[in-house]
Amino acid sequence: MLKAGASTTDKTAETLISLDAKEFVLGADKLEVAQINTVDANEVADRKEELEAAINAELSSKRISSICICNH
């Protein structure tokens, strides 16, 4: 039941990388930190390419220097 409640399979990559996202300004750079909560890390790892593409698009569109995603 816990696994079903924390499933990431029904969320788009764009949604996953923006969940609880916070933006920080470090001098001339912007950094965004977000977290993906799941009980099955493989669910997220299996979508690595999809998540990387979403992260790269976000970096470009928001002119962000870095995005940090914590998966726990």
PDB file of N, CA and C in Angstrom:
ATOM      1  N   MET A   1       0.817  -1.175   0.000  1.00  0.00           N
ATOM      2  CA  MET A   1       0.000   0.000   0.000  1.00  0.00           C
ATOM      3  C   MET A   1       0.878   1.263   0.000  1.00  0.00           C
ATOM      4  N   LEU A   2       1.954   1.249   0.787  1.00  0.00           N
ATOM      5  CA  LEU A   2       2.862   2.387   0.815  1.00  0.00           C
ATOM      6  C   LEU A   2       3.475   2.609  -0.559  1.00  0.00           C
ATOM      7  N   LYS A   3       3.869   1.514  -1.218  1.00  0.00           N
ATOM      8  CA  LYS A   3       4.453   1.628  -2.548  1.00  0.00           C
ATOM      9  C   LYS A   3       3.473   2.248  -3.530  1.00  0.00           C
ATOM     10  N   ALA A   4       2.230   1.869  -3.474  1.00  0.00           N
ATOM     11  CA  ALA A   4       1.229   2.430  -4.388  1.00  0.00           C
ATOM     12  C   ALA A   4       1.051   3.920  -4.152  1.00  0.00           C
ATOM     13  N   GLY A   5       1.099   4.348  -2.909  1.00  0.00           N
ATOM     14  CA  GLY A   5       0.924   5.764  -2.583  1.00  0.00           C
ATOM     15  C   GLY A   5       2.099   6.622  -2.996  1.00  0.00           C
ATOM     16  N   ALA A   6       3.289   6.021  -3.112  1.00  0.00           N
ATOM     17  CA  ALA A   6       4.488   6.767  -3.478  1.00  0.00           C
ATOM     18  C   ALA A   6       4.924   6.465  -4.905  1.00  0.00           C
ATOM     19  N   SER A   7       4.069   5.885  -5.695  1.00  0.00           N
ATOM     20  CA  SER A   7       4.411   5.533  -7.068  1.00  0.00           C
ATOM     21  C   SER A   7       4.684   6.782  -7.900  1.00  0.00           C
ATOM     22  N   THR A   8       5.679   6.682  -8.769  1.00  0.00           N
ATOM     23  CA  THR A   8       6.005   7.785  -9.671  1.00  0.00           C
ATOM     24  C   THR A   8       5.580   7.484 -11.104  1.00  0.00           C
ATOM     25  N   THR A   9       5.035   6.308 -11.335  1.00  0.00           N
ATOM     26  CA  THR A   9       4.731   5.892 -12.701  1.00  0.00           C
ATOM     27  C   THR A   9       3.622   6.705 -13.354  1.00  0.00           C
ATOM     28  N   ASP A  10       2.766   7.326 -12.551  1.00  0.00           N
ATOM     29  CA  ASP A  10       1.661   8.095 -13.113  1.00  0.00           C
ATOM     30  C   ASP A  10       2.004   9.576 -13.307  1.00  0.00           C
ATOM     31  N   LYS A  11       3.257   9.942 -13.050  1.00  0.00           N
ATOM     32  CA  LYS A  11       3.671  11.339 -13.178  1.00  0.00           C
ATOM     33  C   LYS A  11       4.627  11.508 -14.352  1.00  0.00           C
ATOM     34  N   THR A  12       4.512  12.646 -15.032  1.00  0.00           N
ATOM     35  CA  THR A  12       5.432  12.925 -16.131  1.00  0.00           C
ATOM     36  C   THR A  12       6.800  13.274 -15.558  1.00  0.00           C
ATOM     37  N   ALA A  13       7.816  13.184 -16.390  1.00  0.00           N
ATOM     38  CA  ALA A  13       9.170  13.555 -15.967  1.00  0.00           C
ATOM     39  C   ALA A  13       9.200  15.023 -15.554  1.00  0.00           C
ATOM     40  N   GLU A  14       8.499  15.860 -16.275  1.00  0.00           N
ATOM     41  CA  GLU A  14       8.443  17.285 -15.956  1.00  0.00           C
ATOM     42  C   GLU A  14       7.838  17.525 -14.577  1.00  0.00           C
ATOM     43  N   THR A  15       6.822  16.766 -14.256  1.00  0.00           N
ATOM     44  CA  THR A  15       6.204  16.877 -12.934  1.00  0.00           C
ATOM     45  C   THR A  15       7.161  16.395 -11.854  1.00  0.00           C
ATOM     46  N   LEU A  16       7.814  15.271 -12.092  1.00  0.00           N
ATOM     47  CA  LEU A  16       8.725  14.717 -11.095  1.00  0.00           C
ATOM     48  C   LEU A  16       9.860  15.665 -10.750  1.00  0.00           C
ATOM     49  N   ILE A  17      10.441  16.319 -11.750  1.00  0.00           N
ATOM     50  CA  ILE A  17      11.589  17.182 -11.459  1.00  0.00           C
ATOM     51  C   ILE A  17      11.184  18.519 -10.851  1.00  0.00           C
ATOM     52  N   SER A  18       9.889  18.806 -10.836  1.00  0.00           N
ATOM     53  CA  SER A  18       9.457  20.077 -10.265  1.00  0.00           C
ATOM     54  C   SER A  18       8.728  19.922  -8.928  1.00  0.00           C
ATOM     55  N   LEU A  19       8.570  18.686  -8.457  1.00  0.00           N
ATOM     56  CA  LEU A  19       7.898  18.458  -7.185  1.00  0.00           C
ATOM     57  C   LEU A  19       8.689  19.101  -6.055  1.00  0.00           C
ATOM     58  N   ASP A  20       8.045  19.930  -5.314  1.00  0.00           N
ATOM     59  CA  ASP A  20       8.651  20.590  -4.157  1.00  0.00           C
ATOM     60  C   ASP A  20       9.951  21.317  -4.531  1.00  0.00           C
ATOM     61  N   ALA A  21      10.044  21.812  -5.750  1.00  0.00           N
ATOM     62  CA  ALA A  21      11.265  22.480  -6.218  1.00  0.00           C
ATOM     63  C   ALA A  21      11.420  23.851  -5.573  1.00  0.00           C
ATOM     64  N   LYS A  22      12.655  24.145  -5.215  1.00  0.00           N
ATOM     65  CA  LYS A  22      13.002  25.450  -4.656  1.00  0.00           C
ATOM     66  C   LYS A  22      14.130  26.028  -5.502  1.00  0.00           C
ATOM     67  N   GLU A  23      14.053  27.311  -5.779  1.00  0.00           N
ATOM     68  CA  GLU A  23      15.079  27.976  -6.580  1.00  0.00           C
ATOM     69  C   GLU A  23      15.928  28.864  -5.676  1.00  0.00           C
ATOM     70  N   PHE A  24      17.239  28.816  -5.885  1.00  0.00           N
ATOM     71  CA  PHE A  24      18.173  29.611  -5.109  1.00  0.00           C
ATOM     72  C   PHE A  24      19.051  30.406  -6.066  1.00  0.00           C
ATOM     73  N   VAL A  25      19.359  31.641  -5.694  1.00  0.00           N
ATOM     74  CA  VAL A  25      20.244  32.482  -6.493  1.00  0.00           C
ATOM     75  C   VAL A  25      21.586  32.532  -5.773  1.00  0.00           C
ATOM     76  N   LEU A  26      22.639  32.167  -6.505  1.00  0.00           N
ATOM     77  CA  LEU A  26      23.997  32.170  -5.973  1.00  0.00           C
ATOM     78  C   LEU A  26      24.831  33.106  -6.836  1.00  0.00           C
ATOM     79  N   GLY A  27      24.864  34.344  -6.470  1.00  0.00           N
ATOM     80  CA  GLY A  27      25.553  35.321  -7.304  1.00  0.00           C
ATOM     81  C   GLY A  27      24.814  35.477  -8.618  1.00  0.00           C
ATOM     82  N   ALA A  28      25.511  35.190  -9.720  1.00  0.00           N
ATOM     83  CA  ALA A  28      24.903  35.294 -11.047  1.00  0.00           C
ATOM     84  C   ALA A  28      24.231  33.989 -11.485  1.00  0.00           C
ATOM     85  N   ASP A  29      24.328  32.956 -10.671  1.00  0.00           N
ATOM     86  CA  ASP A  29      23.791  31.646 -11.027  1.00  0.00           C
ATOM     87  C   ASP A  29      22.499  31.351 -10.282  1.00  0.00           C
ATOM     88  N   LYS A  30      21.648  30.553 -10.919  1.00  0.00           N
ATOM     89  CA  LYS A  30      20.426  30.056 -10.282  1.00  0.00           C
ATOM     90  C   LYS A  30      20.541  28.543 -10.161  1.00  0.00           C
ATOM     91  N   LEU A  31      20.105  28.019  -9.036  1.00  0.00           N
ATOM     92  CA  LEU A  31      20.129  26.600  -8.753  1.00  0.00           C
ATOM     93  C   LEU A  31      18.725  26.194  -8.327  1.00  0.00           C
ATOM     94  N   GLU A  32      18.265  25.050  -8.811  1.00  0.00           N
ATOM     95  CA  GLU A  32      16.963  24.539  -8.402  1.00  0.00           C
ATOM     96  C   GLU A  32      17.169  23.187  -7.734  1.00  0.00           C
ATOM     97  N   VAL A  33      16.541  23.005  -6.588  1.00  0.00           N
ATOM     98  CA  VAL A  33      16.626  21.757  -5.832  1.00  0.00           C
ATOM     99  C   VAL A  33      15.226  21.181  -5.710  1.00  0.00           C
ATOM    100  N   ALA A  34      15.093  19.909  -6.028  1.00  0.00           N
ATOM    101  CA  ALA A  34      13.801  19.231  -5.931  1.00  0.00           C
ATOM    102  C   ALA A  34      14.026  17.838  -5.366  1.00  0.00           C
ATOM    103  N   GLN A  35      12.952  17.218  -4.942  1.00  0.00           N
ATOM    104  CA  GLN A  35      13.069  15.861  -4.436  1.00  0.00           C
ATOM    105  C   GLN A  35      11.975  14.982  -5.030  1.00  0.00           C
ATOM    106  N   ILE A  36      12.344  13.735  -5.218  1.00  0.00           N
ATOM    107  CA  ILE A  36      11.386  12.737  -5.690  1.00  0.00           C
ATOM    108  C   ILE A  36      11.261  11.708  -4.582  1.00  0.00           C
ATOM    109  N   ASN A  37      10.093  11.613  -3.984  1.00  0.00           N
ATOM    110  CA  ASN A  37       9.854  10.644  -2.916  1.00  0.00           C
ATOM    111  C   ASN A  37       9.258   9.376  -3.502  1.00  0.00           C
ATOM    112  N   THR A  38       9.937   8.268  -3.248  1.00  0.00           N
ATOM    113  CA  THR A  38       9.452   6.978  -3.721  1.00  0.00           C
ATOM    114  C   THR A  38       9.998   5.878  -2.823  1.00  0.00           C
ATOM    115  N   VAL A  39       9.314   4.779  -2.751  1.00  0.00           N
ATOM    116  CA  VAL A  39       9.834   3.638  -2.011  1.00  0.00           C
ATOM    117  C   VAL A  39      10.543   2.668  -2.945  1.00  0.00           C
ATOM    118  N   ASP A  40      10.468   2.917  -4.228  1.00  0.00           N
ATOM    119  CA  ASP A  40      11.118   2.058  -5.224  1.00  0.00           C
ATOM    120  C   ASP A  40      12.036   2.911  -6.098  1.00  0.00           C
ATOM    121  N   ALA A  41      13.306   3.016  -5.718  1.00  0.00           N
ATOM    122  CA  ALA A  41      14.269   3.849  -6.449  1.00  0.00           C
ATOM    123  C   ALA A  41      14.415   3.404  -7.899  1.00  0.00           C
ATOM    124  N   ASN A  42      14.198   2.136  -8.176  1.00  0.00           N
ATOM    125  CA  ASN A  42      14.308   1.643  -9.554  1.00  0.00           C
ATOM    126  C   ASN A  42      13.257   2.270 -10.462  1.00  0.00           C
ATOM    127  N   GLU A  43      12.105   2.607  -9.890  1.00  0.00           N
ATOM    128  CA  GLU A  43      11.052   3.270 -10.657  1.00  0.00           C
ATOM    129  C   GLU A  43      11.574   4.560 -11.283  1.00  0.00           C
ATOM    130  N   VAL A  44      12.375   5.277 -10.523  1.00  0.00           N
ATOM    131  CA  VAL A  44      12.954   6.535 -10.996  1.00  0.00           C
ATOM    132  C   VAL A  44      14.174   6.243 -11.872  1.00  0.00           C
ATOM    133  N   ALA A  45      15.036   5.349 -11.440  1.00  0.00           N
ATOM    134  CA  ALA A  45      16.251   5.025 -12.194  1.00  0.00           C
ATOM    135  C   ALA A  45      15.922   4.505 -13.590  1.00  0.00           C
ATOM    136  N   ASP A  46      14.841   3.764 -13.719  1.00  0.00           N
ATOM    137  CA  ASP A  46      14.437   3.221 -15.019  1.00  0.00           C
ATOM    138  C   ASP A  46      14.037   4.326 -16.005  1.00  0.00           C
ATOM    139  N   ARG A  47      13.791   5.521 -15.505  1.00  0.00           N
ATOM    140  CA  ARG A  47      13.367   6.647 -16.356  1.00  0.00           C
ATOM    141  C   ARG A  47      14.483   7.679 -16.521  1.00  0.00           C
ATOM    142  N   LYS A  48      15.714   7.239 -16.299  1.00  0.00           N
ATOM    143  CA  LYS A  48      16.860   8.140 -16.304  1.00  0.00           C
ATOM    144  C   LYS A  48      16.920   9.022 -17.546  1.00  0.00           C
ATOM    145  N   GLU A  49      16.831   8.440 -18.719  1.00  0.00           N
ATOM    146  CA  GLU A  49      16.940   9.214 -19.963  1.00  0.00           C
ATOM    147  C   GLU A  49      15.812  10.243 -20.075  1.00  0.00           C
ATOM    148  N   GLU A  50      14.614   9.832 -19.722  1.00  0.00           N
ATOM    149  CA  GLU A  50      13.457  10.729 -19.772  1.00  0.00           C
ATOM    150  C   GLU A  50      13.632  11.895 -18.785  1.00  0.00           C
ATOM    151  N   LEU A  51      14.126  11.582 -17.593  1.00  0.00           N
ATOM    152  CA  LEU A  51      14.349  12.623 -16.590  1.00  0.00           C
ATOM    153  C   LEU A  51      15.475  13.564 -17.000  1.00  0.00           C
ATOM    154  N   GLU A  52      16.545  13.014 -17.579  1.00  0.00           N
ATOM    155  CA  GLU A  52      17.647  13.864 -18.052  1.00  0.00           C
ATOM    156  C   GLU A  52      17.175  14.827 -19.134  1.00  0.00           C
ATOM    157  N   ALA A  53      16.335  14.366 -20.033  1.00  0.00           N
ATOM    158  CA  ALA A  53      15.806  15.234 -21.087  1.00  0.00           C
ATOM    159  C   ALA A  53      14.951  16.352 -20.479  1.00  0.00           C
ATOM    160  N   ALA A  54      14.135  16.016 -19.492  1.00  0.00           N
ATOM    161  CA  ALA A  54      13.300  17.028 -18.837  1.00  0.00           C
ATOM    162  C   ALA A  54      14.168  18.029 -18.080  1.00  0.00           C
ATOM    163  N   ILE A  55      15.208  17.550 -17.427  1.00  0.00           N
ATOM    164  CA  ILE A  55      16.123  18.436 -16.706  1.00  0.00           C
ATOM    165  C   ILE A  55      16.825  19.378 -17.677  1.00  0.00           C
ATOM    166  N   ASN A  56      17.322  18.857 -18.774  1.00  0.00           N
ATOM    167  CA  ASN A  56      18.001  19.700 -19.765  1.00  0.00           C
ATOM    168  C   ASN A  56      17.069  20.751 -20.352  1.00  0.00           C
ATOM    169  N   ALA A  57      15.827  20.381 -20.598  1.00  0.00           N
ATOM    170  CA  ALA A  57      14.846  21.350 -21.105  1.00  0.00           C
ATOM    171  C   ALA A  57      14.579  22.433 -20.064  1.00  0.00           C
ATOM    172  N   GLU A  58      14.492  22.039 -18.809  1.00  0.00           N
ATOM    173  CA  GLU A  58      14.256  22.989 -17.725  1.00  0.00           C
ATOM    174  C   GLU A  58      15.446  23.937 -17.555  1.00  0.00           C
ATOM    175  N   LEU A  59      16.651  23.399 -17.638  1.00  0.00           N
ATOM    176  CA  LEU A  59      17.850  24.235 -17.548  1.00  0.00           C
ATOM    177  C   LEU A  59      17.830  25.312 -18.623  1.00  0.00           C
ATOM    178  N   SER A  60      17.480  24.926 -19.811  1.00  0.00           N
ATOM    179  CA  SER A  60      17.463  25.842 -20.941  1.00  0.00           C
ATOM    180  C   SER A  60      16.344  26.875 -20.826  1.00  0.00           C
ATOM    181  N   SER A  61      15.141  26.417 -20.517  1.00  0.00           N
ATOM    182  CA  SER A  61      13.994  27.327 -20.513  1.00  0.00           C
ATOM    183  C   SER A  61      14.026  28.315 -19.351  1.00  0.00           C
ATOM    184  N   LYS A  62      14.540  27.899 -18.209  1.00  0.00           N
ATOM    185  CA  LYS A  62      14.573  28.779 -17.043  1.00  0.00           C
ATOM    186  C   LYS A  62      15.923  29.482 -16.868  1.00  0.00           C
ATOM    187  N   ARG A  63      16.879  29.153 -17.739  1.00  0.00           N
ATOM    188  CA  ARG A  63      18.242  29.704 -17.624  1.00  0.00           C
ATOM    189  C   ARG A  63      18.821  29.433 -16.240  1.00  0.00           C
ATOM    190  N   ILE A  64      18.704  28.191 -15.843  1.00  0.00           N
ATOM    191  CA  ILE A  64      19.221  27.740 -14.552  1.00  0.00           C
ATOM    192  C   ILE A  64      20.589  27.111 -14.783  1.00  0.00           C
ATOM    193  N   SER A  65      21.514  27.342 -13.847  1.00  0.00           N
ATOM    194  CA  SER A  65      22.856  26.781 -13.946  1.00  0.00           C
ATOM    195  C   SER A  65      22.872  25.295 -13.597  1.00  0.00           C
ATOM    196  N   SER A  66      22.107  24.911 -12.574  1.00  0.00           N
ATOM    197  CA  SER A  66      22.113  23.536 -12.096  1.00  0.00           C
ATOM    198  C   SER A  66      20.767  23.163 -11.521  1.00  0.00           C
ATOM    199  N   ILE A  67      20.466  21.875 -11.621  1.00  0.00           N
ATOM    200  CA  ILE A  67      19.293  21.315 -10.957  1.00  0.00           C
ATOM    201  C   ILE A  67      19.780  20.131 -10.154  1.00  0.00           C
ATOM    202  N   CYS A  68      19.391  20.072  -8.908  1.00  0.00           N
ATOM    203  CA  CYS A  68      19.739  18.959  -8.024  1.00  0.00           C
ATOM    204  C   CYS A  68      18.446  18.214  -7.690  1.00  0.00           C
ATOM    205  N   ILE A  69      18.417  16.936  -8.015  1.00  0.00           N
ATOM    206  CA  ILE A  69      17.254  16.106  -7.701  1.00  0.00           C
ATOM    207  C   ILE A  69      17.669  15.096  -6.646  1.00  0.00           C
ATOM    208  N   CYS A  70      16.957  15.060  -5.548  1.00  0.00           N
ATOM    209  CA  CYS A  70      17.198  14.086  -4.490  1.00  0.00           C
ATOM    210  C   CYS A  70      16.111  13.028  -4.580  1.00  0.00           C
ATOM    211  N   ASN A  71      16.516  11.787  -4.664  1.00  0.00           N
ATOM    212  CA  ASN A  71      15.572  10.679  -4.758  1.00  0.00           C
ATOM    213  C   ASN A  71      15.636   9.903  -3.461  1.00  0.00           C
ATOM    214  N   HIS A  72      14.563   9.996  -2.692  1.00  0.00           N
ATOM    215  CA  HIS A  72      14.516   9.217  -1.454  1.00  0.00           C
ATOM    216  C   HIS A  72      13.111   8.830  -1.119  1.00  0.00           C
TER     217      HIS A  72
END
